[in-house]
Amino acid sequence: MVDICSQCGNYEWDKLVEGNRIACPKCGHSWEFLKLPLFVLTGTSGVGKTTTLRALQRVSRDFVCLDTDFFYNIMPHETEADYMAQTEQAQALSRDVMQCGRPVVWARAGNIHMLDKTYGARFFSGIFVLALVCGETGLRRRMAEGRGIGDPDWIQSSVDYNRYFMEHDRIGGVAYERMDITSLTADEAACAAEAWLKGKMAGERRAGNA
C-alpha cells in the first residue's frame, strides 16, 4: 500500500527508495514514508519463539508481533521461490503496518538468509535478527513436553539447527545476535527480548535512521 503511487496508480515492484522517500519511475512522483527497522526472532523449532512473542505482546505495546507461520496457510511453501515470495509478502505487510509508528517483530525459524535479498528490504532502516537458543536437554524437553513431538528425526534436526545458532553469528549474509533462554520463563524471555529491541531502536534513533 505505502509503495503504490498516488499520482499514476503504479503498483509494480519497481519503486526507487532513498532514505525515507519513495519515487515512482513511471511518472516521477515521490513521497515520504515512515522508515523503521524490521525485527526477527529466530531459532529452531520448539525453542520458544512463538511463546516468547506472545509474552512480548503482553508486556509491551511498542511493537507489532507476528508469526510467519501465518503464511503457510495461504501461500505455497515447497520451493526456494515459495519461501522468497513469503519473505516478500511478510516485508510488504510490515512496511504498511509500520506506517502507524510501531516496528514489526516476526517469529521466523528458517530462510533467514533471504531477509536482505528482497525488494522489500529497501523499505527498512535496518533488519535485526535475534536467535533464541537453549541447551540441548532443555530443547528436547520443550519439544517432547511442550509441543508433543515424538519424531526422533525432527527432534534431532532441531537440536542440530539450535547448535548452528549457538556456534555461528550469521546465516548467509544476514548477521544475528543470540539470547540463551534455557533458564528463562516466557515472561523473562519476553522482557529480555524487549530490552534488546528497545536498545536497537535507540541505536537507530541516535544514528538518525528511525
N, C-alpha and C. Protein backbone atom coordinates (compact mmCIF):
# COMPACT_ATOMS: atom_id res chain seq x y z
N MET A 1 0.81 -1.21 0.00
CA MET A 1 0.00 0.00 0.00
C MET A 1 0.85 1.26 0.00
N VAL A 2 1.83 1.34 0.89
CA VAL A 2 2.63 2.55 1.01
C VAL A 2 3.45 2.82 -0.25
N ASP A 3 3.73 1.77 -1.04
CA ASP A 3 4.55 1.96 -2.24
C ASP A 3 3.72 2.06 -3.52
N ILE A 4 2.40 2.20 -3.40
CA ILE A 4 1.56 2.43 -4.58
C ILE A 4 1.57 3.93 -4.88
N CYS A 5 1.87 4.28 -6.10
CA CYS A 5 1.96 5.69 -6.47
C CYS A 5 0.57 6.32 -6.52
N SER A 6 0.37 7.38 -5.76
CA SER A 6 -0.93 8.06 -5.74
C SER A 6 -1.13 8.94 -6.97
N GLN A 7 -0.04 9.17 -7.72
CA GLN A 7 -0.14 10.04 -8.90
C GLN A 7 -0.61 9.26 -10.13
N CYS A 8 0.01 8.11 -10.37
CA CYS A 8 -0.35 7.35 -11.57
C CYS A 8 -0.91 5.96 -11.28
N GLY A 9 -0.95 5.60 -10.01
CA GLY A 9 -1.51 4.30 -9.65
C GLY A 9 -0.57 3.13 -9.85
N ASN A 10 0.69 3.38 -10.13
CA ASN A 10 1.66 2.31 -10.36
C ASN A 10 1.83 1.47 -9.09
N TYR A 11 1.52 0.18 -9.20
CA TYR A 11 1.64 -0.71 -8.05
C TYR A 11 2.74 -1.76 -8.24
N GLU A 12 3.52 -1.62 -9.31
CA GLU A 12 4.58 -2.60 -9.59
C GLU A 12 5.73 -2.49 -8.58
N TRP A 13 6.52 -3.58 -8.51
CA TRP A 13 7.69 -3.62 -7.63
C TRP A 13 8.87 -2.98 -8.35
N ASP A 14 8.77 -1.70 -8.59
CA ASP A 14 9.85 -1.03 -9.33
C ASP A 14 10.20 0.32 -8.73
N LYS A 15 9.79 0.56 -7.49
CA LYS A 15 9.98 1.87 -6.90
C LYS A 15 11.44 2.09 -6.48
N LEU A 16 11.84 3.34 -6.54
CA LEU A 16 13.15 3.75 -6.07
C LEU A 16 13.01 4.27 -4.65
N VAL A 17 13.88 3.83 -3.77
CA VAL A 17 13.80 4.25 -2.38
C VAL A 17 15.13 4.86 -1.98
N GLU A 18 15.08 6.10 -1.50
CA GLU A 18 16.27 6.77 -0.99
C GLU A 18 15.90 7.44 0.32
N GLY A 19 16.56 6.98 1.40
CA GLY A 19 16.19 7.50 2.71
C GLY A 19 14.75 7.13 3.01
N ASN A 20 13.96 8.14 3.39
CA ASN A 20 12.55 7.89 3.68
C ASN A 20 11.62 8.40 2.58
N ARG A 21 12.13 8.40 1.34
CA ARG A 21 11.32 8.82 0.20
C ARG A 21 11.23 7.70 -0.84
N ILE A 22 10.05 7.56 -1.40
CA ILE A 22 9.79 6.61 -2.47
C ILE A 22 9.55 7.39 -3.75
N ALA A 23 10.12 6.94 -4.85
CA ALA A 23 9.92 7.60 -6.14
C ALA A 23 9.39 6.61 -7.16
N CYS A 24 8.43 7.05 -7.93
CA CYS A 24 7.83 6.22 -8.97
C CYS A 24 8.59 6.44 -10.28
N PRO A 25 9.16 5.39 -10.86
CA PRO A 25 9.92 5.56 -12.11
C PRO A 25 9.04 5.81 -13.33
N LYS A 26 7.74 5.59 -13.22
CA LYS A 26 6.85 5.79 -14.36
C LYS A 26 6.46 7.25 -14.54
N CYS A 27 6.14 7.95 -13.42
CA CYS A 27 5.68 9.33 -13.54
C CYS A 27 6.57 10.33 -12.84
N GLY A 28 7.53 9.84 -12.04
CA GLY A 28 8.45 10.73 -11.36
C GLY A 28 7.96 11.26 -10.03
N HIS A 29 6.72 10.94 -9.66
CA HIS A 29 6.18 11.40 -8.37
C HIS A 29 6.95 10.75 -7.22
N SER A 30 7.16 11.50 -6.13
CA SER A 30 7.83 10.95 -4.95
C SER A 30 7.07 11.33 -3.70
N TRP A 31 7.23 10.54 -2.66
CA TRP A 31 6.52 10.79 -1.41
C TRP A 31 7.30 10.20 -0.24
N GLU A 32 7.02 10.75 0.95
CA GLU A 32 7.69 10.29 2.16
C GLU A 32 6.96 9.10 2.76
N PHE A 33 7.71 8.28 3.49
CA PHE A 33 7.10 7.21 4.27
C PHE A 33 7.89 7.05 5.55
N LEU A 34 7.29 6.38 6.52
CA LEU A 34 7.95 6.16 7.81
C LEU A 34 8.84 4.92 7.68
N LYS A 35 10.14 5.13 7.83
CA LYS A 35 11.12 4.06 7.65
C LYS A 35 11.64 3.61 9.02
N LEU A 36 11.30 2.41 9.41
CA LEU A 36 11.66 1.86 10.71
C LEU A 36 12.43 0.56 10.54
N PRO A 37 13.10 0.09 11.58
CA PRO A 37 13.78 -1.20 11.50
C PRO A 37 12.79 -2.36 11.54
N LEU A 38 13.16 -3.45 10.91
CA LEU A 38 12.39 -4.69 10.96
C LEU A 38 13.13 -5.66 11.87
N PHE A 39 12.37 -6.34 12.73
CA PHE A 39 12.97 -7.28 13.69
C PHE A 39 12.47 -8.70 13.45
N VAL A 40 13.37 -9.65 13.67
CA VAL A 40 13.03 -11.07 13.51
C VAL A 40 13.56 -11.83 14.72
N LEU A 41 12.67 -12.58 15.38
CA LEU A 41 13.08 -13.55 16.39
C LEU A 41 13.17 -14.90 15.69
N THR A 42 14.35 -15.47 15.67
CA THR A 42 14.53 -16.76 15.02
C THR A 42 15.00 -17.79 16.04
N GLY A 43 15.19 -18.99 15.56
CA GLY A 43 15.60 -20.09 16.42
C GLY A 43 14.99 -21.37 15.90
N THR A 44 15.45 -22.48 16.41
CA THR A 44 14.98 -23.77 15.92
C THR A 44 13.56 -24.07 16.35
N SER A 45 12.94 -25.02 15.72
CA SER A 45 11.60 -25.46 16.08
C SER A 45 11.56 -25.92 17.54
N GLY A 46 10.60 -25.40 18.29
CA GLY A 46 10.43 -25.82 19.67
C GLY A 46 11.20 -25.02 20.70
N VAL A 47 12.06 -24.08 20.27
CA VAL A 47 12.88 -23.36 21.24
C VAL A 47 12.07 -22.35 22.05
N GLY A 48 10.98 -21.85 21.48
CA GLY A 48 10.14 -20.92 22.23
C GLY A 48 9.92 -19.58 21.57
N LYS A 49 10.04 -19.51 20.25
CA LYS A 49 9.87 -18.23 19.54
C LYS A 49 8.45 -17.69 19.70
N THR A 50 7.47 -18.51 19.38
CA THR A 50 6.09 -18.05 19.44
C THR A 50 5.67 -17.76 20.88
N THR A 51 6.09 -18.60 21.80
CA THR A 51 5.78 -18.39 23.22
C THR A 51 6.35 -17.06 23.70
N THR A 52 7.59 -16.79 23.31
CA THR A 52 8.23 -15.53 23.70
C THR A 52 7.51 -14.35 23.06
N LEU A 53 7.12 -14.50 21.80
CA LEU A 53 6.45 -13.40 21.10
C LEU A 53 5.08 -13.13 21.72
N ARG A 54 4.35 -14.17 22.10
CA ARG A 54 3.07 -13.97 22.77
C ARG A 54 3.27 -13.21 24.09
N ALA A 55 4.29 -13.60 24.83
CA ALA A 55 4.57 -12.92 26.09
C ALA A 55 4.99 -11.48 25.85
N LEU A 56 5.72 -11.23 24.77
CA LEU A 56 6.12 -9.87 24.43
C LEU A 56 4.90 -9.00 24.18
N GLN A 57 3.86 -9.57 23.55
CA GLN A 57 2.63 -8.81 23.33
C GLN A 57 1.99 -8.40 24.65
N ARG A 58 2.16 -9.24 25.67
CA ARG A 58 1.56 -8.92 26.97
C ARG A 58 2.33 -7.84 27.70
N VAL A 59 3.65 -7.83 27.56
CA VAL A 59 4.46 -6.90 28.36
C VAL A 59 4.75 -5.59 27.65
N SER A 60 4.48 -5.51 26.33
CA SER A 60 4.81 -4.29 25.59
C SER A 60 3.78 -4.00 24.52
N ARG A 61 3.45 -2.72 24.36
CA ARG A 61 2.58 -2.28 23.28
C ARG A 61 3.37 -1.46 22.25
N ASP A 62 4.68 -1.54 22.33
CA ASP A 62 5.52 -0.74 21.45
C ASP A 62 5.83 -1.42 20.12
N PHE A 63 5.48 -2.71 20.00
CA PHE A 63 5.83 -3.47 18.81
C PHE A 63 4.62 -4.27 18.32
N VAL A 64 4.56 -4.48 17.01
CA VAL A 64 3.54 -5.35 16.43
C VAL A 64 4.18 -6.73 16.24
N CYS A 65 3.62 -7.74 16.90
CA CYS A 65 4.23 -9.07 16.90
C CYS A 65 3.45 -10.02 15.99
N LEU A 66 4.15 -10.66 15.05
CA LEU A 66 3.53 -11.54 14.07
C LEU A 66 4.36 -12.80 13.89
N ASP A 67 3.75 -13.84 13.36
CA ASP A 67 4.43 -15.12 13.15
C ASP A 67 4.33 -15.50 11.68
N THR A 68 5.45 -15.78 11.04
CA THR A 68 5.43 -16.11 9.60
C THR A 68 4.75 -17.44 9.32
N ASP A 69 4.48 -18.26 10.33
CA ASP A 69 3.70 -19.48 10.09
C ASP A 69 2.33 -19.14 9.50
N PHE A 70 1.89 -17.92 9.73
CA PHE A 70 0.64 -17.43 9.15
C PHE A 70 0.60 -17.66 7.64
N PHE A 71 1.73 -17.48 6.97
CA PHE A 71 1.77 -17.59 5.51
C PHE A 71 1.64 -19.03 5.03
N TYR A 72 1.94 -20.00 5.91
CA TYR A 72 1.84 -21.39 5.49
C TYR A 72 0.41 -21.76 5.14
N ASN A 73 -0.56 -21.05 5.69
CA ASN A 73 -1.96 -21.37 5.44
C ASN A 73 -2.50 -20.73 4.16
N ILE A 74 -1.77 -19.76 3.62
CA ILE A 74 -2.30 -19.02 2.47
C ILE A 74 -1.36 -19.00 1.26
N MET A 75 -0.15 -19.51 1.40
CA MET A 75 0.81 -19.50 0.29
C MET A 75 1.52 -20.84 0.20
N PRO A 76 1.98 -21.22 -1.00
CA PRO A 76 2.78 -22.45 -1.13
C PRO A 76 4.07 -22.35 -0.31
N HIS A 77 4.57 -23.47 0.15
CA HIS A 77 5.82 -23.47 0.93
C HIS A 77 6.61 -24.75 0.66
N GLU A 78 6.98 -24.91 -0.62
CA GLU A 78 7.70 -26.12 -1.00
C GLU A 78 9.06 -25.82 -1.63
N THR A 79 9.17 -24.72 -2.35
CA THR A 79 10.40 -24.43 -3.08
C THR A 79 11.07 -23.17 -2.53
N GLU A 80 12.30 -22.96 -2.96
CA GLU A 80 13.04 -21.75 -2.59
C GLU A 80 12.28 -20.51 -3.05
N ALA A 81 11.69 -20.57 -4.23
CA ALA A 81 10.91 -19.43 -4.75
C ALA A 81 9.69 -19.17 -3.88
N ASP A 82 9.05 -20.23 -3.37
CA ASP A 82 7.89 -20.06 -2.48
C ASP A 82 8.29 -19.30 -1.21
N TYR A 83 9.42 -19.69 -0.63
CA TYR A 83 9.85 -19.05 0.61
C TYR A 83 10.30 -17.61 0.37
N MET A 84 10.87 -17.35 -0.79
CA MET A 84 11.23 -15.97 -1.11
C MET A 84 9.97 -15.12 -1.26
N ALA A 85 8.94 -15.68 -1.90
CA ALA A 85 7.68 -14.96 -2.05
C ALA A 85 7.05 -14.69 -0.68
N GLN A 86 7.13 -15.67 0.23
CA GLN A 86 6.64 -15.45 1.59
C GLN A 86 7.39 -14.32 2.28
N THR A 87 8.70 -14.29 2.08
CA THR A 87 9.52 -13.25 2.69
C THR A 87 9.13 -11.88 2.17
N GLU A 88 8.92 -11.79 0.86
CA GLU A 88 8.48 -10.52 0.27
C GLU A 88 7.14 -10.09 0.85
N GLN A 89 6.22 -11.02 0.98
CA GLN A 89 4.90 -10.67 1.50
C GLN A 89 4.97 -10.23 2.96
N ALA A 90 5.80 -10.91 3.74
CA ALA A 90 5.97 -10.51 5.14
C ALA A 90 6.53 -9.09 5.23
N GLN A 91 7.48 -8.78 4.37
CA GLN A 91 8.06 -7.44 4.39
C GLN A 91 7.08 -6.39 3.86
N ALA A 92 6.27 -6.76 2.87
CA ALA A 92 5.26 -5.83 2.36
C ALA A 92 4.25 -5.50 3.44
N LEU A 93 3.80 -6.53 4.16
CA LEU A 93 2.88 -6.30 5.27
C LEU A 93 3.52 -5.44 6.34
N SER A 94 4.79 -5.71 6.63
CA SER A 94 5.50 -4.98 7.68
C SER A 94 5.61 -3.49 7.36
N ARG A 95 5.99 -3.16 6.14
CA ARG A 95 6.19 -1.75 5.82
C ARG A 95 4.88 -0.97 5.87
N ASP A 96 3.76 -1.64 5.56
CA ASP A 96 2.46 -0.97 5.67
C ASP A 96 2.06 -0.79 7.14
N VAL A 97 2.22 -1.85 7.92
CA VAL A 97 1.88 -1.78 9.34
C VAL A 97 2.71 -0.70 10.05
N MET A 98 3.98 -0.59 9.68
CA MET A 98 4.87 0.36 10.35
C MET A 98 4.48 1.82 10.14
N GLN A 99 3.61 2.10 9.18
CA GLN A 99 3.19 3.48 8.97
C GLN A 99 2.36 4.00 10.14
N CYS A 100 1.95 3.10 11.04
CA CYS A 100 1.25 3.53 12.27
C CYS A 100 2.24 3.96 13.34
N GLY A 101 3.55 3.77 13.08
CA GLY A 101 4.57 4.24 14.01
C GLY A 101 5.17 3.18 14.91
N ARG A 102 4.79 1.92 14.71
CA ARG A 102 5.34 0.84 15.53
C ARG A 102 6.08 -0.17 14.66
N PRO A 103 7.29 -0.55 15.04
CA PRO A 103 8.03 -1.55 14.27
C PRO A 103 7.42 -2.94 14.44
N VAL A 104 7.70 -3.81 13.47
CA VAL A 104 7.16 -5.16 13.46
C VAL A 104 8.23 -6.14 13.90
N VAL A 105 7.81 -7.14 14.69
CA VAL A 105 8.69 -8.23 15.11
C VAL A 105 8.06 -9.53 14.62
N TRP A 106 8.82 -10.27 13.81
CA TRP A 106 8.35 -11.56 13.29
C TRP A 106 9.01 -12.70 14.04
N ALA A 107 8.26 -13.78 14.27
CA ALA A 107 8.86 -15.06 14.64
C ALA A 107 9.07 -15.83 13.35
N ARG A 108 10.29 -16.28 13.12
CA ARG A 108 10.62 -16.95 11.85
C ARG A 108 11.75 -17.93 12.08
N ALA A 109 11.53 -19.18 11.74
CA ALA A 109 12.54 -20.20 12.01
C ALA A 109 13.60 -20.28 10.92
N GLY A 110 13.14 -20.35 9.68
CA GLY A 110 14.08 -20.62 8.59
C GLY A 110 14.18 -19.52 7.56
N ASN A 111 15.04 -19.76 6.58
CA ASN A 111 15.23 -18.85 5.44
C ASN A 111 15.64 -17.43 5.87
N ILE A 112 16.40 -17.37 6.94
CA ILE A 112 16.90 -16.08 7.41
C ILE A 112 17.82 -15.44 6.37
N HIS A 113 18.50 -16.28 5.60
CA HIS A 113 19.43 -15.75 4.59
C HIS A 113 18.74 -14.94 3.50
N MET A 114 17.40 -15.03 3.41
CA MET A 114 16.66 -14.31 2.38
C MET A 114 16.33 -12.87 2.77
N LEU A 115 16.43 -12.54 4.03
CA LEU A 115 15.89 -11.29 4.53
C LEU A 115 16.46 -10.05 3.85
N ASP A 116 17.72 -10.09 3.47
CA ASP A 116 18.34 -8.90 2.87
C ASP A 116 18.44 -8.99 1.36
N LYS A 117 17.80 -10.00 0.75
CA LYS A 117 17.91 -10.20 -0.69
C LYS A 117 16.60 -9.86 -1.41
N THR A 118 15.70 -9.22 -0.72
CA THR A 118 14.37 -8.95 -1.27
C THR A 118 14.24 -7.52 -1.78
N TYR A 119 13.24 -7.31 -2.59
CA TYR A 119 12.84 -5.95 -2.97
C TYR A 119 12.43 -5.18 -1.71
N GLY A 120 11.72 -5.86 -0.81
CA GLY A 120 11.17 -5.20 0.38
C GLY A 120 12.20 -4.69 1.36
N ALA A 121 13.41 -5.23 1.34
CA ALA A 121 14.42 -4.85 2.34
C ALA A 121 14.74 -3.36 2.30
N ARG A 122 14.58 -2.72 1.15
CA ARG A 122 14.94 -1.30 1.00
C ARG A 122 14.03 -0.38 1.80
N PHE A 123 12.89 -0.89 2.28
CA PHE A 123 11.93 -0.06 2.99
C PHE A 123 12.17 0.00 4.50
N PHE A 124 13.25 -0.62 4.97
CA PHE A 124 13.54 -0.64 6.41
C PHE A 124 14.88 0.03 6.68
N SER A 125 14.96 0.70 7.83
CA SER A 125 16.22 1.35 8.18
C SER A 125 17.29 0.32 8.52
N GLY A 126 16.87 -0.88 8.86
CA GLY A 126 17.78 -1.99 9.15
C GLY A 126 16.95 -3.23 9.42
N ILE A 127 17.57 -4.39 9.29
CA ILE A 127 16.91 -5.65 9.63
C ILE A 127 17.75 -6.32 10.71
N PHE A 128 17.15 -6.52 11.88
CA PHE A 128 17.87 -7.03 13.04
C PHE A 128 17.28 -8.37 13.46
N VAL A 129 18.17 -9.34 13.68
CA VAL A 129 17.74 -10.71 13.96
C VAL A 129 18.29 -11.15 15.31
N LEU A 130 17.40 -11.68 16.15
CA LEU A 130 17.79 -12.23 17.44
C LEU A 130 17.44 -13.71 17.45
N ALA A 131 18.46 -14.56 17.63
CA ALA A 131 18.26 -16.01 17.67
C ALA A 131 18.08 -16.46 19.12
N LEU A 132 16.96 -17.11 19.39
CA LEU A 132 16.73 -17.71 20.70
C LEU A 132 17.35 -19.10 20.70
N VAL A 133 18.14 -19.38 21.70
CA VAL A 133 18.80 -20.68 21.81
C VAL A 133 18.60 -21.22 23.22
N CYS A 134 18.81 -22.53 23.37
CA CYS A 134 18.77 -23.13 24.70
C CYS A 134 19.61 -24.40 24.70
N GLY A 135 19.87 -24.95 25.87
CA GLY A 135 20.65 -26.16 25.99
C GLY A 135 19.92 -27.34 25.37
N GLU A 136 20.69 -28.35 24.95
CA GLU A 136 20.09 -29.49 24.25
C GLU A 136 19.05 -30.21 25.10
N THR A 137 19.36 -30.43 26.38
CA THR A 137 18.41 -31.13 27.25
C THR A 137 17.10 -30.36 27.35
N GLY A 138 17.23 -29.04 27.52
CA GLY A 138 16.04 -28.21 27.62
C GLY A 138 15.25 -28.20 26.32
N LEU A 139 15.95 -28.18 25.19
CA LEU A 139 15.27 -28.18 23.90
C LEU A 139 14.49 -29.48 23.69
N ARG A 140 15.13 -30.58 24.00
CA ARG A 140 14.45 -31.88 23.84
C ARG A 140 13.20 -31.92 24.73
N ARG A 141 13.29 -31.40 25.94
CA ARG A 141 12.14 -31.39 26.83
C ARG A 141 11.03 -30.48 26.30
N ARG A 142 11.41 -29.32 25.80
CA ARG A 142 10.41 -28.39 25.25
C ARG A 142 9.66 -29.03 24.08
N MET A 143 10.39 -29.74 23.23
CA MET A 143 9.76 -30.35 22.06
C MET A 143 8.85 -31.51 22.47
N ALA A 144 9.31 -32.34 23.40
CA ALA A 144 8.55 -33.51 23.81
C ALA A 144 7.36 -33.14 24.69
N GLU A 145 7.61 -32.29 25.68
CA GLU A 145 6.56 -31.97 26.64
C GLU A 145 5.73 -30.77 26.21
N GLY A 146 6.40 -29.76 25.67
CA GLY A 146 5.68 -28.55 25.30
C GLY A 146 4.95 -28.66 23.98
N ARG A 147 5.56 -29.33 23.00
CA ARG A 147 4.98 -29.43 21.66
C ARG A 147 4.41 -30.82 21.36
N GLY A 148 4.69 -31.80 22.21
CA GLY A 148 4.19 -33.15 21.97
C GLY A 148 4.83 -33.82 20.78
N ILE A 149 6.08 -33.46 20.47
CA ILE A 149 6.79 -34.02 19.31
C ILE A 149 7.56 -35.26 19.73
N GLY A 150 7.30 -36.37 19.06
CA GLY A 150 7.99 -37.60 19.39
C GLY A 150 8.87 -38.13 18.28
N ASP A 151 8.82 -37.49 17.12
CA ASP A 151 9.61 -37.92 15.96
C ASP A 151 11.10 -37.66 16.24
N PRO A 152 11.90 -38.71 16.36
CA PRO A 152 13.32 -38.51 16.71
C PRO A 152 14.10 -37.74 15.65
N ASP A 153 13.73 -37.90 14.37
CA ASP A 153 14.43 -37.17 13.32
C ASP A 153 14.14 -35.67 13.41
N TRP A 154 12.89 -35.33 13.69
CA TRP A 154 12.51 -33.92 13.85
C TRP A 154 13.25 -33.32 15.04
N ILE A 155 13.25 -34.05 16.14
CA ILE A 155 13.94 -33.55 17.34
C ILE A 155 15.42 -33.36 17.06
N GLN A 156 16.06 -34.33 16.38
CA GLN A 156 17.49 -34.22 16.12
C GLN A 156 17.79 -33.06 15.17
N SER A 157 16.92 -32.84 14.17
CA SER A 157 17.14 -31.72 13.26
C SER A 157 17.05 -30.40 14.01
N SER A 158 16.16 -30.31 14.99
CA SER A 158 16.06 -29.09 15.79
C SER A 158 17.29 -28.91 16.67
N VAL A 159 17.78 -30.00 17.23
CA VAL A 159 19.00 -29.95 18.04
C VAL A 159 20.17 -29.45 17.19
N ASP A 160 20.27 -29.96 15.97
CA ASP A 160 21.37 -29.56 15.07
C ASP A 160 21.25 -28.09 14.67
N TYR A 161 20.03 -27.64 14.38
CA TYR A 161 19.82 -26.24 13.99
C TYR A 161 20.12 -25.31 15.17
N ASN A 162 19.71 -25.73 16.35
CA ASN A 162 19.99 -24.95 17.55
C ASN A 162 21.50 -24.82 17.77
N ARG A 163 22.22 -25.91 17.52
CA ARG A 163 23.68 -25.89 17.67
C ARG A 163 24.30 -24.93 16.66
N TYR A 164 23.73 -24.87 15.44
CA TYR A 164 24.24 -23.93 14.45
C TYR A 164 24.13 -22.50 14.97
N PHE A 165 22.96 -22.16 15.50
CA PHE A 165 22.77 -20.80 16.03
C PHE A 165 23.75 -20.49 17.15
N MET A 166 24.09 -21.49 17.93
CA MET A 166 24.99 -21.27 19.07
C MET A 166 26.44 -21.13 18.62
N GLU A 167 26.79 -21.72 17.49
CA GLU A 167 28.19 -21.76 17.06
C GLU A 167 28.53 -20.74 15.97
N HIS A 168 27.54 -20.07 15.42
CA HIS A 168 27.78 -19.10 14.34
C HIS A 168 27.16 -17.76 14.69
N ASP A 169 27.40 -16.77 13.84
CA ASP A 169 26.80 -15.45 14.07
C ASP A 169 26.12 -14.89 12.83
N ARG A 170 25.98 -15.71 11.80
CA ARG A 170 25.26 -15.28 10.61
C ARG A 170 24.79 -16.48 9.81
N ILE A 171 23.75 -16.25 9.03
CA ILE A 171 23.27 -17.24 8.07
C ILE A 171 23.30 -16.57 6.72
N GLY A 172 24.11 -17.07 5.81
CA GLY A 172 24.33 -16.36 4.56
C GLY A 172 24.96 -15.02 4.88
N GLY A 173 24.39 -13.95 4.35
CA GLY A 173 24.92 -12.63 4.64
C GLY A 173 24.22 -11.92 5.77
N VAL A 174 23.30 -12.61 6.44
CA VAL A 174 22.49 -11.98 7.49
C VAL A 174 23.07 -12.31 8.86
N ALA A 175 23.51 -11.29 9.56
CA ALA A 175 24.06 -11.46 10.91
C ALA A 175 22.93 -11.55 11.93
N TYR A 176 23.20 -12.22 13.03
CA TYR A 176 22.23 -12.28 14.11
C TYR A 176 22.95 -12.26 15.45
N GLU A 177 22.21 -11.89 16.48
CA GLU A 177 22.69 -11.98 17.85
C GLU A 177 21.95 -13.12 18.53
N ARG A 178 22.46 -13.57 19.68
CA ARG A 178 21.88 -14.71 20.38
C ARG A 178 21.36 -14.32 21.75
N MET A 179 20.31 -15.02 22.18
CA MET A 179 19.84 -14.89 23.55
C MET A 179 19.53 -16.30 24.07
N ASP A 180 20.24 -16.71 25.11
CA ASP A 180 20.04 -18.03 25.69
C ASP A 180 18.85 -17.97 26.66
N ILE A 181 17.80 -18.72 26.35
CA ILE A 181 16.60 -18.68 27.19
C ILE A 181 16.42 -19.99 27.97
N THR A 182 17.49 -20.76 28.11
CA THR A 182 17.41 -22.06 28.79
C THR A 182 16.74 -21.96 30.15
N SER A 183 17.15 -20.98 30.93
CA SER A 183 16.66 -20.88 32.31
C SER A 183 15.63 -19.78 32.50
N LEU A 184 15.09 -19.24 31.41
CA LEU A 184 14.15 -18.13 31.50
C LEU A 184 12.71 -18.60 31.34
N THR A 185 11.81 -18.00 32.10
CA THR A 185 10.39 -18.20 31.86
C THR A 185 10.00 -17.43 30.60
N ALA A 186 8.80 -17.65 30.11
CA ALA A 186 8.35 -16.93 28.91
C ALA A 186 8.34 -15.43 29.15
N ASP A 187 7.88 -14.99 30.32
CA ASP A 187 7.84 -13.56 30.60
C ASP A 187 9.25 -12.97 30.73
N GLU A 188 10.15 -13.75 31.33
CA GLU A 188 11.54 -13.28 31.45
C GLU A 188 12.19 -13.16 30.07
N ALA A 189 11.94 -14.15 29.21
CA ALA A 189 12.48 -14.10 27.85
C ALA A 189 11.90 -12.91 27.10
N ALA A 190 10.61 -12.65 27.29
CA ALA A 190 9.96 -11.52 26.63
C ALA A 190 10.56 -10.20 27.09
N CYS A 191 10.80 -10.06 28.39
CA CYS A 191 11.40 -8.82 28.91
C CYS A 191 12.82 -8.63 28.38
N ALA A 192 13.57 -9.73 28.29
CA ALA A 192 14.92 -9.64 27.74
C ALA A 192 14.87 -9.27 26.25
N ALA A 193 13.94 -9.86 25.52
CA ALA A 193 13.78 -9.52 24.10
C ALA A 193 13.36 -8.07 23.94
N GLU A 194 12.46 -7.60 24.82
CA GLU A 194 12.02 -6.21 24.75
C GLU A 194 13.20 -5.26 24.97
N ALA A 195 14.06 -5.59 25.92
CA ALA A 195 15.23 -4.75 26.17
C ALA A 195 16.14 -4.71 24.95
N TRP A 196 16.31 -5.85 24.30
CA TRP A 196 17.14 -5.91 23.07
C TRP A 196 16.51 -5.06 21.98
N LEU A 197 15.21 -5.20 21.79
CA LEU A 197 14.50 -4.44 20.76
C LEU A 197 14.61 -2.94 21.00
N LYS A 198 14.39 -2.53 22.23
CA LYS A 198 14.44 -1.10 22.54
C LYS A 198 15.87 -0.56 22.42
N GLY A 199 16.85 -1.40 22.71
CA GLY A 199 18.24 -0.99 22.51
C GLY A 199 18.55 -0.74 21.04
N LYS A 200 18.03 -1.62 20.18
CA LYS A 200 18.23 -1.44 18.74
C LYS A 200 17.49 -0.20 18.24
N MET A 201 16.29 0.03 18.75
CA MET A 201 15.55 1.22 18.35
C MET A 201 16.28 2.48 18.77
N ALA A 202 16.84 2.47 19.97
CA ALA A 202 17.58 3.63 20.44
C ALA A 202 18.80 3.89 19.57
N GLY A 203 19.48 2.82 19.17
CA GLY A 203 20.63 2.95 18.29
C GLY A 203 20.25 3.52 16.94
N GLU A 204 19.11 3.09 16.40
CA GLU A 204 18.63 3.61 15.13
C GLU A 204 18.29 5.10 15.24
N ARG A 205 17.70 5.49 16.36
CA ARG A 205 17.38 6.92 16.53
C ARG A 205 18.64 7.76 16.65
N ARG A 206 19.62 7.25 17.39
CA ARG A 206 20.88 8.01 17.53
C ARG A 206 21.55 8.19 16.17
N ALA A 207 21.40 7.18 15.32
CA ALA A 207 22.00 7.24 14.00
C ALA A 207 21.16 8.04 13.00
N GLY A 208 19.99 8.46 13.46
CA GLY A 208 19.10 9.23 12.59
C GLY A 208 18.36 8.37 11.58
N ASN A 209 18.25 7.07 11.84
CA ASN A 209 17.62 6.16 10.89
C ASN A 209 16.15 5.90 11.18
N ALA A 210 15.71 6.27 12.37
CA ALA A 210 14.31 5.98 12.74
C ALA A 210 13.77 7.09 13.63
